[in-house]
């Protein structure tokens, strides 16, 4: 049995998650910058911000790697952009 991977679908899912993370990061940044939060809450949100930034970096790398893999695969098959 051959397992096929739909790279376009993987890229789309990763891009959707990336977009959600970026939006979440924006909301969290705005919450901290408003200055209305208790200090302990602001510090907790800053931990979340760090997690989102790491996830965003990871997703960007994964998307770029998938796109490069697709490009190399197409070149190996004699197709060019």
C-alpha atoms as a PDB file:
ATOM      1  CA  UNK A   1       0.000   0.000   0.000  1.00  0.00           C
ATOM      2  CA  UNK A   2       1.418   3.345  -1.039  1.00  0.00           C
ATOM      3  CA  UNK A   3       0.914   6.297   1.251  1.00  0.00           C
ATOM      4  CA  UNK A   4       0.528   9.573  -0.569  1.00  0.00           C
ATOM      5  CA  UNK A   5       1.074  12.957   0.971  1.00  0.00           C
ATOM      6  CA  UNK A   6      -0.893  15.913  -0.263  1.00  0.00           C
ATOM      7  CA  UNK A   7       1.745  18.613   0.172  1.00  0.00           C
ATOM      8  CA  UNK A   8      -0.574  21.364  -1.025  1.00  0.00           C
ATOM      9  CA  UNK A   9      -3.058  20.421   1.705  1.00  0.00           C
ATOM     10  CA  UNK A  10      -0.273  20.313   4.309  1.00  0.00           C
ATOM     11  CA  UNK A  11       0.948  23.750   3.250  1.00  0.00           C
ATOM     12  CA  UNK A  12      -2.598  25.125   3.343  1.00  0.00           C
ATOM     13  CA  UNK A  13      -3.198  23.750   6.851  1.00  0.00           C
ATOM     14  CA  UNK A  14       0.120  25.112   8.095  1.00  0.00           C
ATOM     15  CA  UNK A  15      -0.628  28.497   6.514  1.00  0.00           C
ATOM     16  CA  UNK A  16      -4.045  28.596   8.198  1.00  0.00           C
ATOM     17  CA  UNK A  17      -2.468  27.798  11.553  1.00  0.00           C
ATOM     18  CA  UNK A  18       0.223  30.409  10.924  1.00  0.00           C
ATOM     19  CA  UNK A  19      -2.420  33.043  10.157  1.00  0.00           C
ATOM     20  CA  UNK A  20      -4.281  32.143  13.369  1.00  0.00           C
ATOM     21  CA  UNK A  21      -1.073  32.366  15.411  1.00  0.00           C
ATOM     22  CA  UNK A  22      -0.211  35.757  13.947  1.00  0.00           C
ATOM     23  CA  UNK A  23      -3.701  37.061  14.757  1.00  0.00           C
ATOM     24  CA  UNK A  24      -3.490  35.649  18.287  1.00  0.00           C
ATOM     25  CA  UNK A  25      -0.094  37.237  18.773  1.00  0.00           C
ATOM     26  CA  UNK A  26      -1.494  40.593  17.705  1.00  0.00           C
ATOM     27  CA  UNK A  27      -4.353  40.328  20.198  1.00  0.00           C
ATOM     28  CA  UNK A  28      -1.998  39.332  23.022  1.00  0.00           C
ATOM     29  CA  UNK A  29       0.461  42.113  22.176  1.00  0.00           C
ATOM     30  CA  UNK A  30      -2.374  44.625  22.249  1.00  0.00           C
ATOM     31  CA  UNK A  31      -3.614  43.311  25.600  1.00  0.00           C
ATOM     32  CA  UNK A  32      -0.174  43.750  27.164  1.00  0.00           C
ATOM     33  CA  UNK A  33       0.504  47.124  25.584  1.00  0.00           C
ATOM     34  CA  UNK A  34      -2.769  48.641  26.787  1.00  0.00           C
ATOM     35  CA  UNK A  35      -1.413  48.679  30.334  1.00  0.00           C
ATOM     36  CA  UNK A  36      -4.728  47.829  31.992  1.00  0.00           C
ATOM     37  CA  UNK A  37      -3.787  44.318  33.074  1.00  0.00           C
ATOM     38  CA  UNK A  38      -2.512  43.341  36.488  1.00  0.00           C
ATOM     39  CA  UNK A  39       1.253  42.841  36.350  1.00  0.00           C
ATOM     40  CA  UNK A  40       0.959  39.117  37.063  1.00  0.00           C
ATOM     41  CA  UNK A  41      -1.489  38.721  34.165  1.00  0.00           C
ATOM     42  CA  UNK A  42       0.724  40.713  31.841  1.00  0.00           C
ATOM     43  CA  UNK A  43       3.679  38.501  32.744  1.00  0.00           C
ATOM     44  CA  UNK A  44       1.629  35.361  32.062  1.00  0.00           C
ATOM     45  CA  UNK A  45       0.514  36.679  28.688  1.00  0.00           C
ATOM     46  CA  UNK A  46       4.136  37.463  27.832  1.00  0.00           C
ATOM     47  CA  UNK A  47       4.857  33.735  28.310  1.00  0.00           C
ATOM     48  CA  UNK A  48       2.051  32.963  25.850  1.00  0.00           C
ATOM     49  CA  UNK A  49       3.461  35.525  23.416  1.00  0.00           C
ATOM     50  CA  UNK A  50       6.796  33.738  23.519  1.00  0.00           C
ATOM     51  CA  UNK A  51       5.079  30.422  22.735  1.00  0.00           C
ATOM     52  CA  UNK A  52       3.209  31.948  19.801  1.00  0.00           C
ATOM     53  CA  UNK A  53       6.399  33.485  18.426  1.00  0.00           C
ATOM     54  CA  UNK A  54       8.137  30.110  18.561  1.00  0.00           C
ATOM     55  CA  UNK A  55       5.182  28.430  16.841  1.00  0.00           C
ATOM     56  CA  UNK A  56       5.116  31.116  14.143  1.00  0.00           C
ATOM     57  CA  UNK A  57       8.820  30.624  13.472  1.00  0.00           C
ATOM     58  CA  UNK A  58       8.365  26.846  13.320  1.00  0.00           C
ATOM     59  CA  UNK A  59       5.398  27.065  10.930  1.00  0.00           C
ATOM     60  CA  UNK A  60       7.189  29.496   8.628  1.00  0.00           C
ATOM     61  CA  UNK A  61      10.136  27.128   8.431  1.00  0.00           C
ATOM     62  CA  UNK A  62       7.873  24.148   7.752  1.00  0.00           C
ATOM     63  CA  UNK A  63       6.002  25.964   4.993  1.00  0.00           C
ATOM     64  CA  UNK A  64       9.230  27.098   3.361  1.00  0.00           C
ATOM     65  CA  UNK A  65      10.700  23.594   3.574  1.00  0.00           C
ATOM     66  CA  UNK A  66       7.594  22.059   1.978  1.00  0.00           C
ATOM     67  CA  UNK A  67       7.674  24.586  -0.836  1.00  0.00           C
ATOM     68  CA  UNK A  68      11.371  23.891  -1.444  1.00  0.00           C
ATOM     69  CA  UNK A  69      10.741  20.137  -1.441  1.00  0.00           C
ATOM     70  CA  UNK A  70       7.993  20.609  -4.017  1.00  0.00           C
ATOM     71  CA  UNK A  71      10.244  22.776  -6.164  1.00  0.00           C
ATOM     72  CA  UNK A  72      13.083  20.248  -6.074  1.00  0.00           C
ATOM     73  CA  UNK A  73      10.702  17.400  -6.790  1.00  0.00           C
ATOM     74  CA  UNK A  74       9.316  19.219  -9.815  1.00  0.00           C
ATOM     75  CA  UNK A  75      12.837  19.941 -11.051  1.00  0.00           C
ATOM     76  CA  UNK A  76      13.785  16.283 -10.622  1.00  0.00           C
ATOM     77  CA  UNK A  77      10.761  15.325 -12.695  1.00  0.00           C
ATOM     78  CA  UNK A  78      11.765  17.683 -15.493  1.00  0.00           C
ATOM     79  CA  UNK A  79       9.197  20.345 -14.705  1.00  0.00           C
ATOM     80  CA  UNK A  80      10.207  23.931 -14.104  1.00  0.00           C
ATOM     81  CA  UNK A  81       8.475  26.970 -12.686  1.00  0.00           C
END
